[in-house]
């Protein structure tokens, strides 16, 4: 709460209640990758939220939901431009990461898995960069299958070197053929078994 733009806040290993509101220009880092774990709490919601945040980083956290502590989104960005690196998200009902509004930013080396909703959803006028993420086993609930990455035009994220496999739906829906071909060329895919 007392952090100012340019500050780096290191979270020691432990369990933390969400939602954690990200602040302008603040770098939030887990001291040990995966050892600072954020839950949404009994009311549900998101692990981390950024609204109108134009700089800052989120690094090394684990975000998880459970029946006792439901999680709608691991990370929710609205009209924001932050960097999210080396974050693990599991157990989200709606999406591991939701990017909406006019968001940019970069999402690198994250592990998005085991979410009953989609892995990553990008909507609105958002153009983030998704690079080197592992997106697997999302949206596999029978009768409610979802994609690993859901893109709602006019959103057009840049996807590079992601590994996308074992999700409920393996295609990209009705996106333009040239865009889908570019995504297919720059990423690694494996269909759901």
N, C-alpha and C. Protein backbone atom coordinates (compact mmCIF):
# COMPACT_ATOMS: atom_id res chain seq x y z
N UNK A 1 0.81 -1.20 0.00
CA UNK A 1 0.00 0.00 0.00
C UNK A 1 0.84 1.26 0.00
N UNK A 2 2.01 1.21 0.60
CA UNK A 2 2.86 2.40 0.70
C UNK A 2 3.87 2.50 -0.43
N UNK A 3 3.79 1.64 -1.42
CA UNK A 3 4.75 1.65 -2.52
C UNK A 3 4.49 2.84 -3.45
N UNK A 4 5.57 3.36 -4.02
CA UNK A 4 5.51 4.50 -4.92
C UNK A 4 6.10 4.10 -6.27
N UNK A 5 5.76 4.85 -7.34
CA UNK A 5 6.34 4.54 -8.65
C UNK A 5 7.86 4.41 -8.57
N UNK A 6 8.37 3.34 -9.19
CA UNK A 6 9.79 3.06 -9.17
C UNK A 6 10.22 2.10 -8.08
N UNK A 7 9.35 1.86 -7.10
CA UNK A 7 9.68 0.94 -6.01
C UNK A 7 9.58 -0.51 -6.47
N UNK A 8 10.40 -1.36 -5.87
CA UNK A 8 10.29 -2.81 -6.04
C UNK A 8 9.92 -3.39 -4.69
N UNK A 9 8.80 -4.09 -4.66
CA UNK A 9 8.31 -4.72 -3.44
C UNK A 9 8.54 -6.22 -3.58
N UNK A 10 9.30 -6.80 -2.63
CA UNK A 10 9.56 -8.23 -2.65
C UNK A 10 8.66 -8.93 -1.64
N UNK A 11 7.92 -9.93 -2.11
CA UNK A 11 7.02 -10.68 -1.24
C UNK A 11 7.72 -11.94 -0.77
N UNK A 12 7.84 -12.13 0.55
CA UNK A 12 8.46 -13.35 1.05
C UNK A 12 7.54 -14.55 0.81
N UNK A 13 8.07 -15.77 0.90
CA UNK A 13 7.23 -16.95 0.75
C UNK A 13 6.06 -16.90 1.74
N UNK A 14 4.89 -17.35 1.26
CA UNK A 14 3.72 -17.37 2.12
C UNK A 14 2.45 -17.33 1.31
N UNK A 15 1.33 -17.32 2.02
CA UNK A 15 -0.01 -17.29 1.42
C UNK A 15 -0.56 -15.87 1.56
N UNK A 16 -1.13 -15.35 0.48
CA UNK A 16 -1.65 -13.98 0.46
C UNK A 16 -3.06 -13.98 -0.09
N UNK A 17 -3.91 -13.14 0.48
CA UNK A 17 -5.28 -12.98 0.00
C UNK A 17 -5.34 -11.94 -1.10
N UNK A 18 -6.17 -12.21 -2.08
CA UNK A 18 -6.38 -11.25 -3.16
C UNK A 18 -7.73 -10.59 -3.02
N UNK A 19 -8.09 -9.71 -3.88
CA UNK A 19 -7.26 -9.30 -5.01
C UNK A 19 -6.17 -8.32 -4.59
N UNK A 20 -5.01 -8.47 -5.22
CA UNK A 20 -3.91 -7.54 -5.03
C UNK A 20 -4.01 -6.51 -6.14
N UNK A 21 -4.21 -5.26 -5.78
CA UNK A 21 -4.31 -4.17 -6.75
C UNK A 21 -2.91 -3.69 -7.12
N UNK A 22 -2.55 -3.83 -8.39
CA UNK A 22 -1.25 -3.37 -8.84
C UNK A 22 -1.27 -1.85 -8.98
N UNK A 23 -0.15 -1.22 -8.61
CA UNK A 23 -0.07 0.24 -8.61
C UNK A 23 0.87 0.73 -9.69
N UNK A 24 0.63 1.94 -10.14
CA UNK A 24 1.42 2.58 -11.19
C UNK A 24 2.91 2.57 -10.86
N UNK A 25 3.71 1.98 -11.78
CA UNK A 25 5.16 2.04 -11.68
C UNK A 25 5.80 1.17 -10.62
N UNK A 26 5.03 0.31 -9.95
CA UNK A 26 5.55 -0.53 -8.87
C UNK A 26 5.87 -1.92 -9.43
N UNK A 27 7.02 -2.45 -9.03
CA UNK A 27 7.45 -3.79 -9.41
C UNK A 27 7.20 -4.73 -8.24
N UNK A 28 6.35 -5.71 -8.44
CA UNK A 28 5.99 -6.66 -7.38
C UNK A 28 6.63 -8.01 -7.72
N UNK A 29 7.51 -8.50 -6.81
CA UNK A 29 8.32 -9.67 -7.10
C UNK A 29 8.24 -10.67 -5.94
N UNK A 30 8.04 -11.94 -6.26
CA UNK A 30 8.14 -12.99 -5.25
C UNK A 30 9.63 -13.24 -4.98
N UNK A 31 10.03 -13.21 -3.71
CA UNK A 31 11.44 -13.44 -3.36
C UNK A 31 11.95 -14.77 -3.90
N UNK A 32 11.10 -15.80 -3.83
CA UNK A 32 11.42 -17.12 -4.38
C UNK A 32 10.33 -17.47 -5.39
N UNK A 33 10.69 -17.73 -6.64
CA UNK A 33 9.67 -18.03 -7.64
C UNK A 33 8.70 -19.12 -7.18
N UNK A 34 7.40 -18.80 -7.24
CA UNK A 34 6.35 -19.74 -6.89
C UNK A 34 6.09 -19.90 -5.41
N UNK A 35 6.88 -19.27 -4.56
CA UNK A 35 6.72 -19.45 -3.11
C UNK A 35 5.78 -18.44 -2.48
N UNK A 36 5.47 -17.35 -3.17
CA UNK A 36 4.45 -16.40 -2.72
C UNK A 36 3.17 -16.75 -3.48
N UNK A 37 2.16 -17.25 -2.76
CA UNK A 37 0.94 -17.79 -3.36
C UNK A 37 -0.23 -16.88 -3.04
N UNK A 38 -0.96 -16.47 -4.08
CA UNK A 38 -2.10 -15.57 -3.92
C UNK A 38 -3.38 -16.34 -4.20
N UNK A 39 -4.37 -16.18 -3.30
CA UNK A 39 -5.71 -16.76 -3.44
C UNK A 39 -6.71 -15.61 -3.53
N UNK A 40 -7.84 -15.86 -4.15
CA UNK A 40 -8.85 -14.80 -4.28
C UNK A 40 -9.64 -14.61 -2.99
N UNK A 41 -9.69 -15.61 -2.13
CA UNK A 41 -10.51 -15.52 -0.93
C UNK A 41 -11.88 -16.13 -1.17
N UNK A 42 -12.66 -16.27 -0.12
CA UNK A 42 -13.96 -16.94 -0.20
C UNK A 42 -14.94 -16.24 -1.13
N UNK A 43 -14.80 -14.95 -1.34
CA UNK A 43 -15.73 -14.20 -2.18
C UNK A 43 -15.43 -14.36 -3.66
N UNK A 44 -14.31 -14.96 -4.02
CA UNK A 44 -13.93 -15.11 -5.42
C UNK A 44 -13.30 -13.83 -5.93
N UNK A 45 -13.23 -13.70 -7.25
CA UNK A 45 -12.63 -12.52 -7.85
C UNK A 45 -11.32 -12.86 -8.51
N UNK A 46 -10.36 -11.92 -8.41
CA UNK A 46 -9.08 -12.08 -9.10
C UNK A 46 -7.95 -12.13 -8.09
N UNK A 47 -6.85 -12.74 -8.53
CA UNK A 47 -5.65 -12.75 -7.69
C UNK A 47 -4.96 -11.40 -7.75
N UNK A 48 -4.72 -10.91 -8.99
CA UNK A 48 -4.10 -9.60 -9.20
C UNK A 48 -4.97 -8.80 -10.16
N UNK A 49 -5.07 -7.50 -9.91
CA UNK A 49 -5.86 -6.62 -10.76
C UNK A 49 -5.05 -5.37 -11.09
N UNK A 50 -5.05 -4.99 -12.37
CA UNK A 50 -4.44 -3.72 -12.80
C UNK A 50 -5.47 -2.99 -13.64
N UNK A 51 -5.86 -1.81 -13.19
CA UNK A 51 -6.81 -0.97 -13.93
C UNK A 51 -6.15 0.39 -14.16
N UNK A 52 -5.89 0.72 -15.42
CA UNK A 52 -5.28 1.99 -15.74
C UNK A 52 -3.84 2.13 -15.26
N UNK A 53 -3.14 1.00 -15.16
CA UNK A 53 -1.74 1.00 -14.71
C UNK A 53 -0.87 0.92 -15.97
N UNK A 54 0.00 1.92 -16.17
CA UNK A 54 0.74 2.00 -17.42
C UNK A 54 2.20 1.57 -17.33
N UNK A 55 2.67 1.24 -16.14
CA UNK A 55 4.01 0.66 -16.01
C UNK A 55 4.08 -0.12 -14.71
N UNK A 56 5.00 -1.08 -14.69
CA UNK A 56 5.18 -1.93 -13.52
C UNK A 56 5.36 -3.36 -13.95
N UNK A 57 5.78 -4.19 -13.00
CA UNK A 57 5.98 -5.61 -13.29
C UNK A 57 5.39 -6.47 -12.19
N UNK A 58 5.04 -7.68 -12.58
CA UNK A 58 4.58 -8.72 -11.65
C UNK A 58 5.41 -9.95 -11.99
N UNK A 59 6.18 -10.46 -11.01
CA UNK A 59 7.14 -11.52 -11.31
C UNK A 59 7.18 -12.60 -10.23
N UNK A 60 7.10 -13.87 -10.66
CA UNK A 60 7.44 -15.00 -9.81
C UNK A 60 6.37 -15.52 -8.87
N UNK A 61 5.14 -15.06 -8.97
CA UNK A 61 4.08 -15.50 -8.05
C UNK A 61 3.39 -16.77 -8.55
N UNK A 62 2.68 -17.42 -7.66
CA UNK A 62 1.75 -18.50 -7.99
C UNK A 62 0.38 -17.99 -7.58
N UNK A 63 -0.60 -18.13 -8.47
CA UNK A 63 -1.98 -17.72 -8.19
C UNK A 63 -2.83 -18.97 -8.33
N UNK A 64 -3.61 -19.30 -7.30
CA UNK A 64 -4.39 -20.54 -7.38
C UNK A 64 -5.77 -20.37 -6.77
N UNK A 65 -6.70 -21.07 -7.38
CA UNK A 65 -8.07 -21.12 -6.88
C UNK A 65 -8.39 -22.52 -6.41
N UNK A 66 -9.43 -22.62 -5.61
CA UNK A 66 -9.89 -23.92 -5.10
C UNK A 66 -11.39 -23.79 -4.84
N UNK A 67 -12.10 -24.91 -4.62
CA UNK A 67 -13.52 -24.80 -4.31
C UNK A 67 -13.80 -23.91 -3.09
N UNK A 68 -12.93 -23.95 -2.10
CA UNK A 68 -13.12 -23.13 -0.90
C UNK A 68 -12.78 -21.67 -1.15
N UNK A 69 -11.85 -21.41 -2.07
CA UNK A 69 -11.44 -20.05 -2.42
C UNK A 69 -11.47 -19.90 -3.93
N UNK A 70 -12.70 -19.71 -4.48
CA UNK A 70 -12.84 -19.65 -5.93
C UNK A 70 -12.10 -18.45 -6.52
N UNK A 71 -11.56 -18.66 -7.71
CA UNK A 71 -10.80 -17.64 -8.41
C UNK A 71 -11.44 -17.45 -9.78
N UNK A 72 -11.89 -16.23 -10.09
CA UNK A 72 -12.44 -15.98 -11.41
C UNK A 72 -11.32 -15.78 -12.42
N UNK A 73 -10.34 -14.94 -12.07
CA UNK A 73 -9.20 -14.64 -12.93
C UNK A 73 -7.94 -14.67 -12.08
N UNK A 74 -6.86 -15.21 -12.63
CA UNK A 74 -5.59 -15.12 -11.92
C UNK A 74 -5.05 -13.71 -11.97
N UNK A 75 -5.03 -13.14 -13.18
CA UNK A 75 -4.59 -11.76 -13.40
C UNK A 75 -5.63 -11.10 -14.30
N UNK A 76 -6.11 -9.93 -13.90
CA UNK A 76 -7.08 -9.16 -14.68
C UNK A 76 -6.47 -7.80 -15.00
N UNK A 77 -6.29 -7.52 -16.30
CA UNK A 77 -5.75 -6.24 -16.75
C UNK A 77 -6.82 -5.50 -17.53
N UNK A 78 -7.05 -4.26 -17.18
CA UNK A 78 -7.97 -3.40 -17.92
C UNK A 78 -7.27 -2.08 -18.19
N UNK A 79 -7.15 -1.75 -19.46
CA UNK A 79 -6.51 -0.49 -19.87
C UNK A 79 -5.15 -0.33 -19.19
N UNK A 80 -4.35 -1.36 -19.22
CA UNK A 80 -3.06 -1.36 -18.52
C UNK A 80 -1.94 -1.83 -19.44
N UNK A 81 -0.72 -1.50 -19.03
CA UNK A 81 0.47 -1.82 -19.81
C UNK A 81 1.56 -2.24 -18.84
N UNK A 82 1.50 -3.47 -18.36
CA UNK A 82 2.49 -3.97 -17.42
C UNK A 82 3.15 -5.22 -17.98
N UNK A 83 4.20 -5.67 -17.29
CA UNK A 83 4.89 -6.90 -17.66
C UNK A 83 4.60 -7.95 -16.60
N UNK A 84 4.22 -9.13 -17.05
CA UNK A 84 3.93 -10.26 -16.16
C UNK A 84 4.86 -11.40 -16.57
N UNK A 85 5.75 -11.77 -15.67
CA UNK A 85 6.78 -12.77 -15.99
C UNK A 85 6.84 -13.87 -14.93
N UNK A 86 7.01 -15.11 -15.40
CA UNK A 86 7.25 -16.25 -14.51
C UNK A 86 6.18 -16.39 -13.43
N UNK A 87 4.91 -16.23 -13.83
CA UNK A 87 3.78 -16.39 -12.90
C UNK A 87 3.06 -17.68 -13.25
N UNK A 88 2.71 -18.46 -12.25
CA UNK A 88 1.93 -19.69 -12.45
C UNK A 88 0.51 -19.41 -12.01
N UNK A 89 -0.46 -19.79 -12.87
CA UNK A 89 -1.87 -19.57 -12.56
C UNK A 89 -2.63 -20.87 -12.79
N UNK A 90 -3.37 -21.30 -11.77
CA UNK A 90 -4.15 -22.53 -11.87
C UNK A 90 -5.44 -22.38 -11.06
N UNK A 91 -6.50 -23.06 -11.50
CA UNK A 91 -7.74 -23.10 -10.75
C UNK A 91 -8.69 -21.95 -10.98
N UNK A 92 -8.52 -21.15 -12.05
CA UNK A 92 -9.43 -20.04 -12.33
C UNK A 92 -10.67 -20.53 -13.07
N UNK A 93 -11.83 -20.00 -12.68
CA UNK A 93 -13.09 -20.42 -13.29
C UNK A 93 -13.32 -19.78 -14.65
N UNK A 94 -12.96 -18.51 -14.81
CA UNK A 94 -13.21 -17.80 -16.07
C UNK A 94 -11.99 -17.82 -16.99
N UNK A 95 -10.86 -17.36 -16.51
CA UNK A 95 -9.62 -17.33 -17.29
C UNK A 95 -8.42 -17.19 -16.38
N UNK A 96 -7.32 -17.79 -16.78
CA UNK A 96 -6.08 -17.59 -16.04
C UNK A 96 -5.67 -16.13 -16.09
N UNK A 97 -5.64 -15.55 -17.31
CA UNK A 97 -5.32 -14.14 -17.50
C UNK A 97 -6.40 -13.54 -18.40
N UNK A 98 -6.94 -12.41 -17.97
CA UNK A 98 -7.93 -11.66 -18.77
C UNK A 98 -7.33 -10.30 -19.08
N UNK A 99 -7.21 -9.97 -20.38
CA UNK A 99 -6.65 -8.71 -20.83
C UNK A 99 -7.74 -8.00 -21.61
N UNK A 100 -8.15 -6.80 -21.16
CA UNK A 100 -9.27 -6.12 -21.80
C UNK A 100 -9.03 -4.62 -21.88
N UNK A 101 -9.97 -3.93 -22.53
CA UNK A 101 -9.83 -2.49 -22.71
C UNK A 101 -8.78 -2.22 -23.77
N UNK A 102 -7.92 -1.25 -23.50
CA UNK A 102 -6.83 -0.92 -24.41
C UNK A 102 -5.51 -1.26 -23.72
N UNK A 103 -5.31 -2.52 -23.47
CA UNK A 103 -4.12 -2.99 -22.74
C UNK A 103 -3.02 -3.38 -23.71
N UNK A 104 -1.81 -3.20 -23.27
CA UNK A 104 -0.62 -3.62 -24.02
C UNK A 104 0.15 -4.56 -23.10
N UNK A 105 1.40 -4.29 -22.91
CA UNK A 105 2.19 -5.07 -21.96
C UNK A 105 2.76 -6.34 -22.56
N UNK A 106 3.48 -7.05 -21.72
CA UNK A 106 4.14 -8.28 -22.14
C UNK A 106 3.92 -9.35 -21.08
N UNK A 107 3.69 -10.57 -21.54
CA UNK A 107 3.45 -11.73 -20.68
C UNK A 107 4.44 -12.78 -21.11
N UNK A 108 5.46 -13.03 -20.26
CA UNK A 108 6.55 -13.91 -20.65
C UNK A 108 6.79 -15.01 -19.62
N UNK A 109 7.04 -16.23 -20.14
CA UNK A 109 7.46 -17.37 -19.33
C UNK A 109 6.49 -17.69 -18.20
N UNK A 110 5.20 -17.50 -18.44
CA UNK A 110 4.19 -17.85 -17.45
C UNK A 110 3.69 -19.27 -17.70
N UNK A 111 3.19 -19.90 -16.65
CA UNK A 111 2.64 -21.25 -16.76
C UNK A 111 1.17 -21.16 -16.39
N UNK A 112 0.30 -21.26 -17.39
CA UNK A 112 -1.15 -21.11 -17.22
C UNK A 112 -1.75 -22.49 -17.45
N UNK A 113 -2.23 -23.13 -16.40
CA UNK A 113 -2.69 -24.52 -16.54
C UNK A 113 -3.79 -24.86 -15.55
N UNK A 114 -4.58 -25.85 -15.91
CA UNK A 114 -5.59 -26.38 -14.99
C UNK A 114 -6.67 -25.39 -14.61
N UNK A 115 -6.99 -24.45 -15.50
CA UNK A 115 -8.08 -23.52 -15.26
C UNK A 115 -9.33 -24.06 -15.94
N UNK A 116 -10.47 -24.06 -15.25
CA UNK A 116 -11.67 -24.60 -15.89
C UNK A 116 -12.14 -23.68 -17.01
N UNK A 117 -11.82 -22.39 -16.93
CA UNK A 117 -12.06 -21.47 -18.03
C UNK A 117 -10.89 -21.49 -19.00
N UNK A 118 -10.79 -20.46 -19.82
CA UNK A 118 -9.70 -20.41 -20.80
C UNK A 118 -8.37 -20.10 -20.10
N UNK A 119 -7.29 -20.27 -20.85
CA UNK A 119 -5.98 -19.94 -20.30
C UNK A 119 -5.77 -18.43 -20.29
N UNK A 120 -5.85 -17.81 -21.47
CA UNK A 120 -5.67 -16.37 -21.62
C UNK A 120 -6.78 -15.85 -22.53
N UNK A 121 -7.42 -14.76 -22.13
CA UNK A 121 -8.45 -14.10 -22.93
C UNK A 121 -7.98 -12.69 -23.24
N UNK A 122 -8.03 -12.31 -24.52
CA UNK A 122 -7.63 -10.97 -24.94
C UNK A 122 -8.80 -10.35 -25.69
N UNK A 123 -9.26 -9.17 -25.23
CA UNK A 123 -10.43 -8.53 -25.81
C UNK A 123 -10.22 -7.02 -25.91
N UNK A 124 -11.17 -6.36 -26.57
CA UNK A 124 -11.13 -4.91 -26.70
C UNK A 124 -10.07 -4.47 -27.67
N UNK A 125 -9.46 -3.33 -27.41
CA UNK A 125 -8.40 -2.76 -28.24
C UNK A 125 -7.04 -3.17 -27.68
N UNK A 126 -6.90 -4.40 -27.22
CA UNK A 126 -5.69 -4.87 -26.56
C UNK A 126 -4.73 -5.50 -27.57
N UNK A 127 -3.43 -5.16 -27.41
CA UNK A 127 -2.39 -5.66 -28.29
C UNK A 127 -1.16 -6.07 -27.47
N UNK A 128 -1.33 -6.98 -26.51
CA UNK A 128 -0.17 -7.38 -25.70
C UNK A 128 0.73 -8.35 -26.45
N UNK A 129 1.91 -8.57 -25.90
CA UNK A 129 2.84 -9.58 -26.43
C UNK A 129 2.82 -10.77 -25.48
N UNK A 130 2.53 -11.95 -26.01
CA UNK A 130 2.54 -13.20 -25.25
C UNK A 130 3.70 -14.02 -25.76
N UNK A 131 4.73 -14.23 -24.93
CA UNK A 131 5.94 -14.89 -25.41
C UNK A 131 6.48 -15.90 -24.41
N UNK A 132 6.76 -17.10 -24.90
CA UNK A 132 7.40 -18.12 -24.08
C UNK A 132 6.55 -18.65 -22.95
N UNK A 133 5.23 -18.55 -23.07
CA UNK A 133 4.33 -19.06 -22.04
C UNK A 133 3.99 -20.52 -22.32
N UNK A 134 3.67 -21.25 -21.25
CA UNK A 134 3.16 -22.62 -21.39
C UNK A 134 1.70 -22.56 -20.98
N UNK A 135 0.81 -22.89 -21.92
CA UNK A 135 -0.63 -22.76 -21.72
C UNK A 135 -1.24 -24.13 -21.96
N UNK A 136 -1.62 -24.83 -20.89
CA UNK A 136 -2.05 -26.22 -21.05
C UNK A 136 -3.18 -26.60 -20.10
N UNK A 137 -3.97 -27.58 -20.54
CA UNK A 137 -5.02 -28.20 -19.72
C UNK A 137 -6.01 -27.18 -19.17
N UNK A 138 -6.35 -26.18 -19.98
CA UNK A 138 -7.37 -25.20 -19.61
C UNK A 138 -8.65 -25.52 -20.37
N UNK A 139 -9.79 -25.14 -19.80
CA UNK A 139 -11.06 -25.28 -20.49
C UNK A 139 -11.44 -26.69 -20.84
N UNK A 140 -11.13 -27.64 -19.98
CA UNK A 140 -11.39 -29.05 -20.29
C UNK A 140 -12.63 -29.61 -19.61
N UNK A 141 -13.46 -28.74 -19.04
CA UNK A 141 -14.68 -29.20 -18.37
C UNK A 141 -15.68 -29.69 -19.42
N UNK A 142 -16.10 -30.92 -19.27
CA UNK A 142 -17.03 -31.53 -20.22
C UNK A 142 -18.29 -30.65 -20.34
N UNK A 143 -18.66 -30.36 -21.59
CA UNK A 143 -19.83 -29.54 -21.85
C UNK A 143 -19.56 -28.04 -21.81
N UNK A 144 -18.36 -27.64 -21.42
CA UNK A 144 -18.01 -26.21 -21.35
C UNK A 144 -16.56 -26.01 -21.80
N UNK A 145 -16.20 -26.65 -22.92
CA UNK A 145 -14.83 -26.59 -23.39
C UNK A 145 -14.45 -25.16 -23.79
N UNK A 146 -13.19 -24.80 -23.51
CA UNK A 146 -12.68 -23.45 -23.82
C UNK A 146 -11.30 -23.57 -24.48
N UNK A 147 -10.86 -22.48 -25.04
CA UNK A 147 -9.55 -22.42 -25.71
C UNK A 147 -8.43 -22.11 -24.73
N UNK A 148 -7.23 -22.46 -25.14
CA UNK A 148 -6.06 -22.05 -24.37
C UNK A 148 -5.87 -20.55 -24.45
N UNK A 149 -6.04 -20.00 -25.67
CA UNK A 149 -5.97 -18.55 -25.89
C UNK A 149 -7.22 -18.15 -26.65
N UNK A 150 -8.02 -17.26 -26.06
CA UNK A 150 -9.22 -16.74 -26.70
C UNK A 150 -8.96 -15.30 -27.10
N UNK A 151 -9.16 -14.99 -28.37
CA UNK A 151 -8.93 -13.65 -28.89
C UNK A 151 -10.24 -13.15 -29.48
N UNK A 152 -10.72 -12.00 -28.98
CA UNK A 152 -11.95 -11.40 -29.48
C UNK A 152 -11.59 -10.12 -30.25
N UNK A 153 -11.66 -10.16 -31.59
CA UNK A 153 -11.32 -8.96 -32.37
C UNK A 153 -12.15 -7.76 -31.91
N UNK A 154 -11.55 -6.58 -31.95
CA UNK A 154 -10.36 -6.23 -32.71
C UNK A 154 -9.04 -6.50 -31.99
N UNK A 155 -9.07 -7.10 -30.81
CA UNK A 155 -7.82 -7.43 -30.12
C UNK A 155 -6.93 -8.26 -31.03
N UNK A 156 -5.62 -8.01 -30.97
CA UNK A 156 -4.68 -8.73 -31.83
C UNK A 156 -3.34 -8.86 -31.12
N UNK A 157 -3.25 -9.77 -30.15
CA UNK A 157 -1.97 -9.94 -29.45
C UNK A 157 -0.91 -10.56 -30.36
N UNK A 158 0.33 -10.27 -30.06
CA UNK A 158 1.45 -10.93 -30.75
C UNK A 158 1.82 -12.15 -29.93
N UNK A 159 1.76 -13.33 -30.54
CA UNK A 159 2.10 -14.58 -29.87
C UNK A 159 3.39 -15.14 -30.46
N UNK A 160 4.39 -15.34 -29.61
CA UNK A 160 5.68 -15.86 -30.06
C UNK A 160 6.20 -16.91 -29.09
N UNK A 161 6.59 -18.06 -29.62
CA UNK A 161 7.27 -19.10 -28.85
C UNK A 161 6.50 -19.60 -27.63
N UNK A 162 5.18 -19.60 -27.72
CA UNK A 162 4.36 -20.18 -26.66
C UNK A 162 4.16 -21.66 -26.96
N UNK A 163 3.97 -22.44 -25.90
CA UNK A 163 3.63 -23.85 -26.05
C UNK A 163 2.19 -23.98 -25.57
N UNK A 164 1.30 -24.32 -26.51
CA UNK A 164 -0.14 -24.33 -26.24
C UNK A 164 -0.63 -25.74 -26.52
N UNK A 165 -1.04 -26.46 -25.47
CA UNK A 165 -1.42 -27.86 -25.68
C UNK A 165 -2.41 -28.35 -24.63
N UNK A 166 -3.19 -29.37 -25.04
CA UNK A 166 -4.09 -30.06 -24.12
C UNK A 166 -5.23 -29.22 -23.60
N UNK A 167 -5.61 -28.14 -24.30
CA UNK A 167 -6.73 -27.31 -23.87
C UNK A 167 -8.02 -27.86 -24.44
N UNK A 168 -9.16 -27.42 -23.93
CA UNK A 168 -10.44 -27.96 -24.35
C UNK A 168 -10.72 -27.81 -25.83
N UNK A 169 -10.35 -26.65 -26.39
CA UNK A 169 -10.51 -26.38 -27.82
C UNK A 169 -9.15 -25.93 -28.33
N UNK A 170 -8.72 -26.55 -29.43
CA UNK A 170 -7.35 -26.28 -29.89
C UNK A 170 -7.27 -25.25 -31.01
N UNK A 171 -8.40 -24.78 -31.55
CA UNK A 171 -8.32 -23.80 -32.64
C UNK A 171 -8.48 -22.37 -32.11
N UNK A 172 -8.50 -21.41 -33.04
CA UNK A 172 -8.64 -20.00 -32.68
C UNK A 172 -9.97 -19.42 -33.15
N UNK A 173 -10.91 -20.25 -33.51
CA UNK A 173 -12.22 -19.76 -33.90
C UNK A 173 -12.20 -19.07 -35.25
N UNK A 174 -12.92 -17.97 -35.35
CA UNK A 174 -13.13 -17.30 -36.64
C UNK A 174 -12.21 -16.10 -36.86
N UNK A 175 -10.97 -16.19 -36.41
CA UNK A 175 -10.00 -15.12 -36.66
C UNK A 175 -9.57 -15.16 -38.12
N UNK A 176 -9.07 -14.04 -38.66
CA UNK A 176 -8.60 -14.03 -40.05
C UNK A 176 -7.53 -15.11 -40.29
N UNK A 177 -7.62 -15.76 -41.45
CA UNK A 177 -6.74 -16.89 -41.77
C UNK A 177 -5.26 -16.50 -41.72
N UNK A 178 -4.91 -15.28 -42.18
CA UNK A 178 -3.50 -14.86 -42.17
C UNK A 178 -2.98 -14.75 -40.74
N UNK A 179 -3.81 -14.23 -39.86
CA UNK A 179 -3.42 -14.07 -38.45
C UNK A 179 -3.23 -15.43 -37.80
N UNK A 180 -4.15 -16.36 -38.04
CA UNK A 180 -4.05 -17.71 -37.48
C UNK A 180 -2.80 -18.40 -38.02
N UNK A 181 -2.50 -18.22 -39.31
CA UNK A 181 -1.30 -18.84 -39.90
C UNK A 181 -0.04 -18.29 -39.24
N UNK A 182 -0.01 -17.00 -38.96
CA UNK A 182 1.15 -16.40 -38.29
C UNK A 182 1.30 -16.96 -36.88
N UNK A 183 0.20 -17.09 -36.16
CA UNK A 183 0.23 -17.67 -34.81
C UNK A 183 0.75 -19.11 -34.88
N UNK A 184 0.25 -19.87 -35.85
CA UNK A 184 0.66 -21.27 -35.99
C UNK A 184 2.15 -21.40 -36.30
N UNK A 185 2.69 -20.47 -37.09
CA UNK A 185 4.11 -20.49 -37.45
C UNK A 185 5.01 -20.16 -36.26
N UNK A 186 4.57 -19.32 -35.38
CA UNK A 186 5.43 -18.78 -34.33
C UNK A 186 5.27 -19.46 -32.97
N UNK A 187 4.40 -20.48 -32.88
CA UNK A 187 4.13 -21.13 -31.60
C UNK A 187 4.07 -22.63 -31.78
N UNK A 188 4.06 -23.35 -30.68
CA UNK A 188 4.00 -24.81 -30.71
C UNK A 188 2.64 -25.25 -30.18
N UNK A 189 1.96 -26.10 -30.95
CA UNK A 189 0.62 -26.56 -30.60
C UNK A 189 0.57 -28.07 -30.51
N UNK A 190 -0.31 -28.53 -29.66
CA UNK A 190 -0.63 -29.96 -29.59
C UNK A 190 -2.10 -30.04 -29.24
N UNK A 191 -2.84 -30.83 -29.96
CA UNK A 191 -4.27 -30.96 -29.72
C UNK A 191 -4.54 -31.68 -28.41
N UNK A 192 -5.74 -31.54 -27.92
CA UNK A 192 -6.18 -32.23 -26.71
C UNK A 192 -6.24 -33.72 -26.99
N UNK A 193 -5.68 -34.55 -26.08
CA UNK A 193 -5.73 -36.00 -26.31
C UNK A 193 -7.14 -36.54 -26.32
